Amino acid sequence: MAISKSDVMLAGLSREQLLDLHATMLLIRRFEEKAGEEYTLGKIGGFLHLYIGQEAVATGAIKPLRPQDVVISSYREHGHALVKGSDPNAVMAELFGRSTGVSKGKGGSMHIFDDQHNFHGGYAIVGAQMPIACGYGLAQKFAGKGDITMTFFGDGAVDEGAFHEAMNLAELWSLPVVFICENNLYSMGNALAKAWSVSSLEPRAAAYGMAYERVDGMDVLAVRDTAIRAIDRARNQSKPTLIEAMTYRFRGHSMADPATYRPKDEVELWRTQRDPIVLFEQKLREAGIDQETLTKADDRAIQIADAAAAFADSSPFPDLSELTQDVMIDPTGAIAWRRPRK
């Protein structure tokens, strides 16, 4: 729906659109906080990688996409799935390993998959999603419908061979793929300054002739503007883009990580001065949105997260018969191991 000039409040967006961005970031924050709480209670097993602090990246980048566009991510993917439209109840149930989960309780935290909303994974293998994103992009290019793929990964993944292979193929074949590196300054416990000989990903993009933009990943409006340009390039020119979103995770790499390798004053600085939700709320108040409206949105996000946890906790575990379901096999036996030719 077109927006009249009188409706515009900030960055060319209406009050409704701005509040939607705000509510989405709050949903991610409260959902992840609740997930962390349930993990400490033993309700969630395995590894749990929280997205707290990075909410502006997923929100700003995914919101401008069309429903038929594909999003594919890494193991820190709960927020991406929620922005793409996945039901919070089903995502939380998946974290609990319950049959009502978005992946029937078989994937858990690191393997969220929601075909209905074209969210095609969480991938636990670092960098594995990027070549797969190229495959989606190639299929979309052949289909010719203008659909695109957006893939997210951390700064640690750019040292994987899969990153370079995907970047090269995407540019070589002119694929409609948007690569978004969520650079949170730490590859697990290794500071970026100790891992890279350069200060940004621009030289790596240049090596493949790919368009590159760096953006403040704590500013949801800046991320949105940058993503729109990359989306337009992919959709209308069938050309890839590498976006480096500078952000910061407020928790450890996973719930099992105490993050003692980060200086306390650094963490405190990002939490108190660079929180993406706080920064956006300041802009919203300056644009004329009252605090009561913002508080109600937060209350609503807390209610959704609490309801999701209650739903997950009351859901059944998968039946043992599910062990043999959704397993790809070849009933004809045509695909089998064969001896190599001499």
Protein backbone atom coordinates (compact mmCIF):
# COMPACT_ATOMS: atom_id res chain seq x y z
CA MET A 1 0.00 0.00 0.00
CA ALA A 2 1.33 3.41 -0.96
CA ILE A 3 2.23 5.81 1.84
CA SER A 4 1.20 9.45 1.58
CA LYS A 5 3.65 12.18 2.52
CA SER A 6 1.54 13.05 5.54
CA ASP A 7 1.92 9.49 6.87
CA VAL A 8 5.73 9.47 6.70
CA MET A 9 7.36 9.81 10.11
CA LEU A 10 10.96 8.67 9.75
CA ALA A 11 13.21 7.43 6.92
CA GLY A 12 10.31 7.39 4.49
CA LEU A 13 8.34 4.97 6.68
CA SER A 14 4.91 5.29 8.22
CA ARG A 15 4.12 4.94 11.91
CA GLU A 16 2.80 1.44 11.26
CA GLN A 17 5.97 0.35 9.47
CA LEU A 18 8.23 1.81 12.15
CA LEU A 19 6.29 0.12 14.94
CA ASP A 20 6.46 -3.15 13.02
CA LEU A 21 10.26 -2.95 12.93
CA HIS A 22 10.28 -2.13 16.63
CA ALA A 23 7.93 -4.97 17.55
CA THR A 24 9.96 -7.44 15.51
CA MET A 25 13.21 -6.58 17.26
CA LEU A 26 11.48 -6.83 20.62
CA LEU A 27 10.04 -10.22 19.70
CA ILE A 28 13.51 -11.54 18.89
CA ARG A 29 14.98 -10.11 22.11
CA ARG A 30 12.29 -11.47 24.42
CA PHE A 31 12.11 -14.81 22.59
CA GLU A 32 15.85 -15.31 22.94
CA GLU A 33 15.87 -14.25 26.57
CA LYS A 34 13.12 -16.77 27.27
CA ALA A 35 14.99 -19.46 25.37
CA GLY A 36 18.08 -18.78 27.47
CA GLU A 37 15.98 -19.06 30.63
CA GLU A 38 14.48 -22.38 29.52
CA TYR A 39 17.94 -23.68 28.66
CA THR A 40 19.14 -23.04 32.21
CA LEU A 41 16.08 -24.96 33.46
CA GLY A 42 17.08 -27.96 31.36
CA LYS A 43 14.11 -27.70 28.99
CA ILE A 44 16.37 -27.08 25.96
CA GLY A 45 19.25 -29.44 25.27
CA GLY A 46 22.31 -29.36 23.06
CA PHE A 47 23.81 -26.03 22.03
CA LEU A 48 21.90 -22.76 22.06
CA HIS A 49 23.30 -19.73 20.22
CA LEU A 50 21.40 -16.58 21.12
CA TYR A 51 20.88 -13.59 18.83
CA ILE A 52 20.63 -10.96 21.56
CA GLY A 53 22.26 -7.71 20.40
CA GLN A 54 22.03 -8.47 16.69
CA GLU A 55 18.28 -7.97 16.24
CA ALA A 56 18.60 -4.97 13.92
CA VAL A 57 20.41 -7.00 11.26
CA ALA A 58 17.78 -9.69 10.71
CA THR A 59 14.91 -7.22 11.08
CA GLY A 60 16.29 -4.58 8.75
CA ALA A 61 17.49 -7.03 6.10
CA ILE A 62 14.60 -9.51 5.92
CA LYS A 63 11.62 -7.17 6.24
CA PRO A 64 12.03 -5.73 2.70
CA LEU A 65 11.97 -9.22 1.14
CA ARG A 66 8.98 -10.77 -0.60
CA PRO A 67 7.35 -13.87 0.93
CA GLN A 68 8.62 -16.07 -1.91
CA ASP A 69 12.25 -15.00 -1.42
CA VAL A 70 14.46 -17.55 0.34
CA VAL A 71 16.40 -16.93 3.54
CA ILE A 72 19.08 -19.35 4.69
CA SER A 73 21.23 -18.95 7.78
CA SER A 74 23.67 -20.52 10.21
CA TYR A 75 23.11 -21.96 13.69
CA ARG A 76 22.31 -18.52 15.22
CA GLU A 77 19.07 -18.42 13.25
CA HIS A 78 16.07 -18.14 15.58
CA GLY A 79 15.76 -14.41 14.91
CA HIS A 80 15.94 -14.84 11.16
CA ALA A 81 13.16 -17.43 11.21
CA LEU A 82 10.93 -15.19 13.32
CA VAL A 83 11.39 -12.22 10.99
CA LYS A 84 10.67 -14.42 7.97
CA GLY A 85 7.31 -15.28 9.51
CA SER A 86 7.78 -18.52 11.43
CA ASP A 87 5.37 -19.11 14.31
CA PRO A 88 7.13 -18.36 17.65
CA ASN A 89 5.33 -21.33 19.21
CA ALA A 90 6.68 -23.70 16.57
CA VAL A 91 10.21 -22.28 16.78
CA MET A 92 10.29 -22.60 20.58
CA ALA A 93 8.84 -26.11 20.38
CA GLU A 94 11.69 -27.00 18.04
CA LEU A 95 14.20 -25.77 20.60
CA PHE A 96 12.46 -28.03 23.13
CA GLY A 97 12.70 -30.96 20.69
CA ARG A 98 8.93 -31.40 20.57
CA SER A 99 6.80 -32.82 17.75
CA THR A 100 5.01 -29.48 17.29
CA GLY A 101 8.31 -27.84 16.39
CA VAL A 102 8.86 -26.26 13.01
CA SER A 103 11.15 -29.18 12.11
CA LYS A 104 9.04 -31.73 14.05
CA GLY A 105 11.49 -31.62 16.94
CA LYS A 106 14.19 -33.32 14.89
CA GLY A 107 16.41 -30.35 14.20
CA GLY A 108 16.60 -28.42 17.43
CA SER A 109 18.14 -24.99 17.85
CA MET A 110 20.66 -25.22 15.01
CA HIS A 111 18.38 -26.70 12.34
CA ILE A 112 15.28 -24.52 12.08
CA PHE A 113 13.59 -25.10 8.70
CA ASP A 114 10.24 -23.63 7.66
CA ASP A 115 9.33 -24.37 4.06
CA GLN A 116 5.98 -22.58 4.41
CA HIS A 117 7.77 -19.27 4.91
CA ASN A 118 10.77 -20.04 2.67
CA PHE A 119 13.17 -20.15 5.58
CA HIS A 120 15.42 -22.96 4.43
CA GLY A 121 17.74 -23.59 7.31
CA GLY A 122 19.81 -23.14 10.01
CA TYR A 123 23.02 -24.98 9.22
CA ALA A 124 25.36 -26.09 11.98
CA ILE A 125 28.41 -26.56 9.75
CA VAL A 126 30.19 -23.21 9.53
CA GLY A 127 29.83 -21.74 6.05
CA ALA A 128 27.81 -24.67 4.67
CA GLN A 129 24.80 -22.49 3.89
CA MET A 130 26.60 -20.24 1.40
CA PRO A 131 27.09 -22.71 -1.49
CA ILE A 132 23.53 -23.91 -0.85
CA ALA A 133 22.37 -20.30 -1.19
CA CYS A 134 24.06 -20.23 -4.58
CA GLY A 135 22.07 -23.30 -5.55
CA TYR A 136 18.84 -21.57 -4.63
CA GLY A 137 19.96 -18.49 -6.52
CA LEU A 138 20.75 -20.52 -9.63
CA ALA A 139 17.32 -22.17 -9.52
CA GLN A 140 15.67 -18.78 -9.08
CA LYS A 141 17.60 -17.37 -12.02
CA PHE A 142 16.45 -20.21 -14.25
CA ALA A 143 12.85 -19.80 -13.05
CA GLY A 144 12.93 -16.14 -14.06
CA LYS A 145 10.32 -14.95 -11.55
CA GLY A 146 12.49 -12.34 -9.89
CA ASP A 147 12.86 -14.23 -6.62
CA ILE A 148 16.11 -13.93 -4.67
CA THR A 149 18.04 -15.63 -1.87
CA MET A 150 19.49 -13.94 1.21
CA THR A 151 22.05 -15.79 3.32
CA PHE A 152 23.44 -14.86 6.73
CA PHE A 153 26.73 -15.93 8.30
CA GLY A 154 29.18 -14.82 10.95
CA ASP A 155 32.62 -13.28 10.55
CA GLY A 156 34.21 -16.62 11.44
CA ALA A 157 32.69 -18.22 8.33
CA VAL A 158 34.56 -15.99 5.89
CA ASP A 159 37.75 -17.97 6.50
CA GLU A 160 36.08 -21.14 5.25
CA GLY A 161 36.64 -22.32 1.71
CA ALA A 162 32.88 -22.47 1.23
CA PHE A 163 32.72 -18.67 1.54
CA HIS A 164 35.20 -18.15 -1.29
CA GLU A 165 33.63 -20.83 -3.48
CA ALA A 166 30.18 -19.29 -3.03
CA MET A 167 31.36 -15.73 -3.64
CA ASN A 168 33.18 -16.76 -6.80
CA LEU A 169 30.23 -18.74 -8.19
CA ALA A 170 27.70 -16.05 -7.33
CA GLU A 171 29.63 -13.39 -9.22
CA LEU A 172 30.74 -15.68 -12.04
CA TRP A 173 27.19 -16.87 -12.72
CA SER A 174 25.47 -13.56 -11.82
CA LEU A 175 23.26 -15.10 -9.15
CA PRO A 176 20.51 -13.18 -7.29
CA VAL A 177 22.03 -13.77 -3.86
CA VAL A 178 22.56 -11.29 -1.03
CA PHE A 179 25.37 -12.34 1.32
CA ILE A 180 25.16 -10.78 4.78
CA CYS A 181 28.07 -11.17 7.16
CA GLU A 182 26.98 -10.40 10.71
CA ASN A 183 30.35 -9.25 11.96
CA ASN A 184 30.05 -9.38 15.75
CA LEU A 185 33.83 -9.00 16.16
CA TYR A 186 34.43 -12.48 17.59
CA SER A 187 34.76 -15.84 15.87
CA MET A 188 33.67 -17.93 18.83
CA GLY A 189 36.31 -16.77 21.33
CA ASN A 190 38.79 -15.38 18.84
CA ALA A 191 38.89 -11.61 18.40
CA LEU A 192 38.61 -10.47 14.80
CA ALA A 193 41.83 -8.45 15.04
CA LYS A 194 43.70 -11.71 15.72
CA ALA A 195 42.17 -13.53 12.75
CA TRP A 196 42.10 -11.06 9.83
CA SER A 197 45.02 -9.25 8.23
CA VAL A 198 42.56 -6.65 6.88
CA SER A 199 40.02 -4.51 8.70
CA SER A 200 36.98 -5.27 6.55
CA LEU A 201 35.57 -7.65 3.96
CA GLU A 202 35.89 -5.11 1.16
CA PRO A 203 39.12 -6.65 -0.25
CA ARG A 204 37.50 -10.09 -0.29
CA ALA A 205 34.51 -8.81 -2.20
CA ALA A 206 36.82 -6.96 -4.58
CA ALA A 207 38.74 -10.18 -5.24
CA TYR A 208 35.63 -11.53 -6.94
CA GLY A 209 34.40 -8.24 -8.39
CA MET A 210 31.37 -8.28 -6.14
CA ALA A 211 29.44 -5.23 -4.93
CA TYR A 212 30.14 -4.51 -1.26
CA GLU A 213 28.61 -2.34 1.44
CA ARG A 214 29.42 -1.94 5.11
CA VAL A 215 26.68 -0.87 7.49
CA ASP A 216 26.11 -0.17 11.17
CA GLY A 217 24.38 -3.38 12.23
CA MET A 218 22.98 -1.73 15.35
CA ASP A 219 20.91 0.71 13.27
CA VAL A 220 17.85 -1.06 11.89
CA LEU A 221 17.04 1.74 9.44
CA ALA A 222 20.58 1.80 8.04
CA VAL A 223 20.50 -1.97 7.62
CA ARG A 224 17.13 -1.73 5.88
CA ASP A 225 18.36 0.90 3.41
CA THR A 226 21.49 -1.10 2.62
CA ALA A 227 19.50 -4.32 2.20
CA ILE A 228 17.02 -2.65 -0.15
CA ARG A 229 19.83 -1.66 -2.50
CA ALA A 230 21.26 -5.18 -2.49
CA ILE A 231 17.82 -6.73 -2.94
CA ASP A 232 17.15 -4.46 -5.91
CA ARG A 233 20.50 -5.42 -7.45
CA ALA A 234 19.71 -9.12 -7.03
CA ARG A 235 16.11 -8.92 -8.20
CA ASN A 236 16.48 -6.57 -11.16
CA GLN A 237 20.06 -7.20 -12.28
CA SER A 238 20.62 -10.76 -11.04
CA LYS A 239 23.81 -9.64 -9.34
CA PRO A 240 25.08 -10.59 -5.87
CA THR A 241 26.13 -8.27 -3.06
CA LEU A 242 28.23 -8.75 0.06
CA ILE A 243 26.98 -6.74 3.04
CA GLU A 244 29.12 -6.51 6.15
CA ALA A 245 26.90 -5.57 9.09
CA MET A 246 28.95 -4.46 12.09
CA THR A 247 27.18 -5.74 15.18
CA TYR A 248 27.81 -7.30 18.60
CA ARG A 249 26.37 -10.26 20.47
CA PHE A 250 25.60 -9.43 24.07
CA ARG A 251 25.93 -13.05 25.22
CA GLY A 252 28.63 -15.66 24.69
CA HIS A 253 29.03 -17.62 21.48
CA SER A 254 26.57 -20.12 22.94
CA MET A 255 24.95 -20.68 26.31
CA ALA A 256 27.95 -22.87 27.18
CA ASP A 257 30.32 -19.93 26.66
CA PRO A 258 31.01 -17.59 29.62
CA ALA A 259 32.72 -15.16 27.19
CA THR A 260 35.55 -14.36 29.60
CA TYR A 261 37.76 -13.52 26.61
CA ARG A 262 35.95 -10.20 26.11
CA PRO A 263 36.85 -7.16 28.24
CA LYS A 264 34.02 -6.32 30.63
CA ASP A 265 34.16 -2.62 29.78
CA GLU A 266 33.78 -3.46 26.08
CA VAL A 267 30.66 -5.54 26.69
CA GLU A 268 29.24 -2.86 28.98
CA LEU A 269 29.88 -0.16 26.36
CA TRP A 270 27.94 -2.05 23.67
CA ARG A 271 25.11 -2.95 26.05
CA THR A 272 24.61 0.56 27.42
CA GLN A 273 25.41 2.73 24.41
CA ARG A 274 24.86 0.57 21.32
CA ASP A 275 21.79 -1.53 22.07
CA PRO A 276 19.90 -1.56 18.74
CA ILE A 277 16.48 -1.51 20.39
CA VAL A 278 17.32 1.38 22.70
CA LEU A 279 18.83 3.35 19.82
CA PHE A 280 15.75 2.81 17.65
CA GLU A 281 13.38 3.73 20.47
CA GLN A 282 15.21 7.03 20.86
CA LYS A 283 14.55 7.79 17.19
CA LEU A 284 10.90 6.76 17.52
CA ARG A 285 10.34 9.07 20.48
CA GLU A 286 11.99 11.92 18.59
CA ALA A 287 9.61 11.19 15.69
CA GLY A 288 6.62 11.59 18.02
CA ILE A 289 5.81 8.05 19.16
CA ASP A 290 5.01 8.01 22.87
CA GLN A 291 6.72 5.78 25.43
CA GLU A 292 3.46 4.08 26.37
CA THR A 293 3.15 2.67 22.85
CA LEU A 294 6.72 1.35 23.01
CA THR A 295 6.15 -0.19 26.43
CA LYS A 296 3.00 -1.95 25.27
CA ALA A 297 4.94 -3.46 22.37
CA ASP A 298 7.51 -4.80 24.80
CA ASP A 299 4.79 -6.25 27.03
CA ARG A 300 3.30 -7.94 23.98
CA ALA A 301 6.67 -9.44 23.02
CA ILE A 302 7.11 -10.83 26.53
CA GLN A 303 3.63 -12.37 26.39
CA ILE A 304 4.39 -14.03 23.03
CA ALA A 305 7.68 -15.45 24.33
CA ASP A 306 6.07 -16.75 27.53
CA ALA A 307 3.21 -18.30 25.56
CA ALA A 308 5.68 -19.95 23.19
CA ALA A 309 7.55 -21.53 26.08
CA ALA A 310 4.30 -22.75 27.65
CA PHE A 311 3.19 -24.21 24.32
CA ALA A 312 6.52 -25.96 23.82
CA ASP A 313 6.58 -27.36 27.35
CA SER A 314 3.07 -28.82 26.95
CA SER A 315 3.79 -30.37 23.55
CA PRO A 316 4.68 -34.07 23.18
CA PHE A 317 8.04 -35.43 22.20
CA PRO A 318 8.21 -37.09 18.77
CA ASP A 319 7.08 -40.70 18.67
CA LEU A 320 9.81 -43.30 18.17
CA SER A 321 8.28 -44.14 14.79
CA GLU A 322 9.47 -40.72 13.60
CA LEU A 323 13.05 -42.03 13.57
CA THR A 324 12.42 -43.63 10.19
CA GLN A 325 10.34 -40.79 8.75
CA ASP A 326 11.67 -37.93 6.59
CA VAL A 327 14.79 -39.95 5.81
CA MET A 328 15.82 -39.85 2.18
CA ILE A 329 16.35 -43.33 0.76
CA ASP A 330 16.26 -45.01 -2.63
CA PRO A 331 13.80 -47.92 -2.36
CA THR A 332 14.93 -49.31 -5.74
CA GLY A 333 18.49 -49.75 -4.59
CA ALA A 334 19.69 -48.02 -7.74
CA ILE A 335 21.80 -45.61 -5.74
CA ALA A 336 24.39 -47.64 -3.88
CA TRP A 337 28.08 -47.83 -3.26
CA ARG A 338 29.93 -49.30 -6.23
CA ARG A 339 33.48 -50.45 -6.60
CA PRO A 340 35.61 -47.94 -8.49
CA ARG A 341 36.68 -48.94 -11.97
CA LYS A 342 40.19 -50.26 -12.34
